[in-house]
């Protein structure tokens, strides 16, 4: 009986820790953007191309995750498609409230530097 109680207690602790860890990292919306030229975001310089941008929250604050995603078919029609997602930058951001929800995703640039991004459907601006 003691053994069953120990196993149940360990299982409950593991479940509680997993729930706590999942609550610490919250994912926001993901948008797809295309950079036509090299762009500086925070301390990173992103080459031109397509990116998936996701707003994330951690215990230390907010940040935007920039990832390159590629889809590749394996050859013939009907074959499986391979999806690869590689995170290239995590950039800290601060959020500024807007008067209403954004109708279209907008990148605010200052020269070759990205200053902020407003994501469709949100009512905040993510400033870098």
C-alpha atoms as a PDB file:
ATOM      1  CA  UNK A   1       0.000   0.000   0.000  1.00  0.00           C
ATOM      2  CA  UNK A   2       2.835   2.387   0.767  1.00  0.00           C
ATOM      3  CA  UNK A   3       4.277   1.803  -2.703  1.00  0.00           C
ATOM      4  CA  UNK A   4       1.008   2.742  -4.429  1.00  0.00           C
ATOM      5  CA  UNK A   5       0.780   5.904  -2.353  1.00  0.00           C
ATOM      6  CA  UNK A   6       4.334   6.894  -3.286  1.00  0.00           C
ATOM      7  CA  UNK A   7       3.689   6.338  -6.986  1.00  0.00           C
ATOM      8  CA  UNK A   8       0.468   8.362  -6.815  1.00  0.00           C
ATOM      9  CA  UNK A   9       2.249  11.196  -5.000  1.00  0.00           C
ATOM     10  CA  UNK A  10       5.086  11.270  -7.565  1.00  0.00           C
ATOM     11  CA  UNK A  11       2.564  11.265 -10.418  1.00  0.00           C
ATOM     12  CA  UNK A  12       0.677  14.171  -8.838  1.00  0.00           C
ATOM     13  CA  UNK A  13       3.913  16.168  -8.415  1.00  0.00           C
ATOM     14  CA  UNK A  14       4.963  15.538 -12.019  1.00  0.00           C
ATOM     15  CA  UNK A  15       1.521  16.602 -13.274  1.00  0.00           C
ATOM     16  CA  UNK A  16       1.608  19.777 -11.158  1.00  0.00           C
ATOM     17  CA  UNK A  17       5.098  20.689 -12.422  1.00  0.00           C
ATOM     18  CA  UNK A  18       4.082  20.113 -16.045  1.00  0.00           C
ATOM     19  CA  UNK A  19       1.020  22.323 -15.597  1.00  0.00           C
ATOM     20  CA  UNK A  20       3.130  25.037 -13.958  1.00  0.00           C
ATOM     21  CA  UNK A  21       5.715  24.929 -16.762  1.00  0.00           C
ATOM     22  CA  UNK A  22       3.016  25.163 -19.439  1.00  0.00           C
ATOM     23  CA  UNK A  23       1.489  28.179 -17.703  1.00  0.00           C
ATOM     24  CA  UNK A  24       4.828  30.011 -17.647  1.00  0.00           C
ATOM     25  CA  UNK A  25       5.178  30.220 -21.429  1.00  0.00           C
ATOM     26  CA  UNK A  26       2.176  31.673 -23.174  1.00  0.00           C
ATOM     27  CA  UNK A  27       2.040  31.895 -26.913  1.00  0.00           C
ATOM     28  CA  UNK A  28       0.343  34.762 -28.667  1.00  0.00           C
ATOM     29  CA  UNK A  29      -0.663  35.097 -32.278  1.00  0.00           C
ATOM     30  CA  UNK A  30       1.572  33.983 -35.118  1.00  0.00           C
ATOM     31  CA  UNK A  31       1.789  36.036 -38.300  1.00  0.00           C
ATOM     32  CA  UNK A  32       3.695  35.544 -41.536  1.00  0.00           C
ATOM     33  CA  UNK A  33       5.720  38.487 -42.793  1.00  0.00           C
ATOM     34  CA  UNK A  34       7.989  39.066 -45.775  1.00  0.00           C
ATOM     35  CA  UNK A  35      11.065  41.244 -45.435  1.00  0.00           C
ATOM     36  CA  UNK A  36      12.107  42.674 -48.804  1.00  0.00           C
ATOM     37  CA  UNK A  37      15.579  43.667 -47.553  1.00  0.00           C
ATOM     38  CA  UNK A  38      17.850  42.950 -44.586  1.00  0.00           C
ATOM     39  CA  UNK A  39      16.227  44.387 -41.463  1.00  0.00           C
ATOM     40  CA  UNK A  40      17.605  44.989 -38.000  1.00  0.00           C
ATOM     41  CA  UNK A  41      15.359  43.913 -35.133  1.00  0.00           C
ATOM     42  CA  UNK A  42      16.833  44.540 -31.710  1.00  0.00           C
ATOM     43  CA  UNK A  43      20.427  43.302 -31.887  1.00  0.00           C
ATOM     44  CA  UNK A  44      19.704  40.877 -34.766  1.00  0.00           C
ATOM     45  CA  UNK A  45      19.913  41.513 -38.499  1.00  0.00           C
ATOM     46  CA  UNK A  46      17.411  39.372 -40.386  1.00  0.00           C
ATOM     47  CA  UNK A  47      18.114  38.722 -44.072  1.00  0.00           C
ATOM     48  CA  UNK A  48      15.327  39.264 -46.575  1.00  0.00           C
ATOM     49  CA  UNK A  49      12.782  36.477 -46.814  1.00  0.00           C
ATOM     50  CA  UNK A  50       9.661  35.070 -45.196  1.00  0.00           C
ATOM     51  CA  UNK A  51       9.299  34.694 -41.438  1.00  0.00           C
ATOM     52  CA  UNK A  52       6.809  33.392 -38.899  1.00  0.00           C
ATOM     53  CA  UNK A  53       6.588  35.887 -36.041  1.00  0.00           C
ATOM     54  CA  UNK A  54       5.058  34.759 -32.736  1.00  0.00           C
ATOM     55  CA  UNK A  55       4.485  36.831 -29.612  1.00  0.00           C
ATOM     56  CA  UNK A  56       5.588  34.880 -26.558  1.00  0.00           C
ATOM     57  CA  UNK A  57       5.433  35.541 -22.832  1.00  0.00           C
ATOM     58  CA  UNK A  58       7.902  34.160 -20.311  1.00  0.00           C
ATOM     59  CA  UNK A  59       8.407  34.814 -16.585  1.00  0.00           C
ATOM     60  CA  UNK A  60      11.002  37.473 -17.505  1.00  0.00           C
ATOM     61  CA  UNK A  61       8.782  39.408 -19.935  1.00  0.00           C
ATOM     62  CA  UNK A  62       7.545  39.555 -23.518  1.00  0.00           C
ATOM     63  CA  UNK A  63       9.472  38.724 -26.670  1.00  0.00           C
ATOM     64  CA  UNK A  64       8.893  38.126 -30.357  1.00  0.00           C
ATOM     65  CA  UNK A  65      10.144  34.901 -31.912  1.00  0.00           C
ATOM     66  CA  UNK A  66      11.255  35.130 -35.550  1.00  0.00           C
ATOM     67  CA  UNK A  67      11.432  31.776 -37.343  1.00  0.00           C
ATOM     68  CA  UNK A  68      12.125  30.607 -40.890  1.00  0.00           C
ATOM     69  CA  UNK A  69       9.750  27.903 -42.082  1.00  0.00           C
ATOM     70  CA  UNK A  70      10.247  25.746 -45.148  1.00  0.00           C
ATOM     71  CA  UNK A  71       7.972  23.185 -46.765  1.00  0.00           C
ATOM     72  CA  UNK A  72       9.511  20.475 -48.933  1.00  0.00           C
ATOM     73  CA  UNK A  73       7.808  17.656 -50.817  1.00  0.00           C
ATOM     74  CA  UNK A  74       9.719  14.433 -51.095  1.00  0.00           C
ATOM     75  CA  UNK A  75       9.381  13.956 -54.824  1.00  0.00           C
ATOM     76  CA  UNK A  76       6.258  12.537 -56.369  1.00  0.00           C
ATOM     77  CA  UNK A  77       2.630  13.546 -56.100  1.00  0.00           C
ATOM     78  CA  UNK A  78       0.958  12.262 -52.974  1.00  0.00           C
ATOM     79  CA  UNK A  79       4.225  11.895 -51.086  1.00  0.00           C
ATOM     80  CA  UNK A  80       4.518  13.352 -47.591  1.00  0.00           C
ATOM     81  CA  UNK A  81       5.430  16.989 -47.107  1.00  0.00           C
ATOM     82  CA  UNK A  82       8.285  17.862 -44.772  1.00  0.00           C
ATOM     83  CA  UNK A  83       7.959  20.988 -42.609  1.00  0.00           C
ATOM     84  CA  UNK A  84      10.997  22.520 -40.946  1.00  0.00           C
ATOM     85  CA  UNK A  85      10.806  25.504 -38.589  1.00  0.00           C
ATOM     86  CA  UNK A  86      14.019  27.115 -37.374  1.00  0.00           C
ATOM     87  CA  UNK A  87      14.008  29.960 -34.829  1.00  0.00           C
ATOM     88  CA  UNK A  88      16.517  32.614 -35.927  1.00  0.00           C
ATOM     89  CA  UNK A  89      15.918  35.353 -33.320  1.00  0.00           C
ATOM     90  CA  UNK A  90      14.161  36.058 -30.037  1.00  0.00           C
ATOM     91  CA  UNK A  91      13.796  39.815 -29.542  1.00  0.00           C
ATOM     92  CA  UNK A  92      12.518  41.446 -26.339  1.00  0.00           C
ATOM     93  CA  UNK A  93       9.558  43.750 -26.825  1.00  0.00           C
ATOM     94  CA  UNK A  94       7.381  46.120 -24.862  1.00  0.00           C
ATOM     95  CA  UNK A  95       3.673  46.434 -25.473  1.00  0.00           C
ATOM     96  CA  UNK A  96       1.866  49.719 -25.997  1.00  0.00           C
ATOM     97  CA  UNK A  97      -1.939  49.822 -25.904  1.00  0.00           C
ATOM     98  CA  UNK A  98      -3.783  51.043 -29.000  1.00  0.00           C
ATOM     99  CA  UNK A  99      -7.234  52.605 -29.181  1.00  0.00           C
ATOM    100  CA  UNK A 100      -8.749  49.651 -31.046  1.00  0.00           C
ATOM    101  CA  UNK A 101      -7.989  46.357 -32.727  1.00  0.00           C
ATOM    102  CA  UNK A 102      -5.599  46.332 -35.664  1.00  0.00           C
ATOM    103  CA  UNK A 103      -7.250  45.506 -39.030  1.00  0.00           C
ATOM    104  CA  UNK A 104      -4.031  44.563 -40.844  1.00  0.00           C
ATOM    105  CA  UNK A 105      -0.566  43.472 -39.679  1.00  0.00           C
ATOM    106  CA  UNK A 106       1.760  46.458 -39.950  1.00  0.00           C
ATOM    107  CA  UNK A 107       5.557  46.674 -39.646  1.00  0.00           C
ATOM    108  CA  UNK A 108       6.809  50.056 -38.482  1.00  0.00           C
ATOM    109  CA  UNK A 109      10.335  50.678 -39.751  1.00  0.00           C
ATOM    110  CA  UNK A 110      12.860  53.427 -39.183  1.00  0.00           C
ATOM    111  CA  UNK A 111      15.221  53.081 -42.135  1.00  0.00           C
ATOM    112  CA  UNK A 112      16.462  49.489 -42.122  1.00  0.00           C
ATOM    113  CA  UNK A 113      15.447  48.933 -38.471  1.00  0.00           C
ATOM    114  CA  UNK A 114      12.091  47.470 -37.407  1.00  0.00           C
ATOM    115  CA  UNK A 115      10.744  49.670 -34.608  1.00  0.00           C
ATOM    116  CA  UNK A 116       7.425  47.922 -33.953  1.00  0.00           C
ATOM    117  CA  UNK A 117       4.913  45.419 -35.255  1.00  0.00           C
ATOM    118  CA  UNK A 118       1.142  45.613 -34.938  1.00  0.00           C
ATOM    119  CA  UNK A 119      -0.566  42.236 -35.388  1.00  0.00           C
ATOM    120  CA  UNK A 120      -4.016  41.920 -36.941  1.00  0.00           C
ATOM    121  CA  UNK A 121      -6.689  41.299 -34.320  1.00  0.00           C
ATOM    122  CA  UNK A 122      -4.663  42.600 -31.377  1.00  0.00           C
ATOM    123  CA  UNK A 123      -5.066  45.956 -29.632  1.00  0.00           C
ATOM    124  CA  UNK A 124      -1.385  46.462 -28.791  1.00  0.00           C
ATOM    125  CA  UNK A 125       1.788  47.492 -30.590  1.00  0.00           C
ATOM    126  CA  UNK A 126       4.911  45.387 -29.966  1.00  0.00           C
ATOM    127  CA  UNK A 127       7.827  47.849 -29.769  1.00  0.00           C
ATOM    128  CA  UNK A 128      11.483  46.827 -30.077  1.00  0.00           C
END
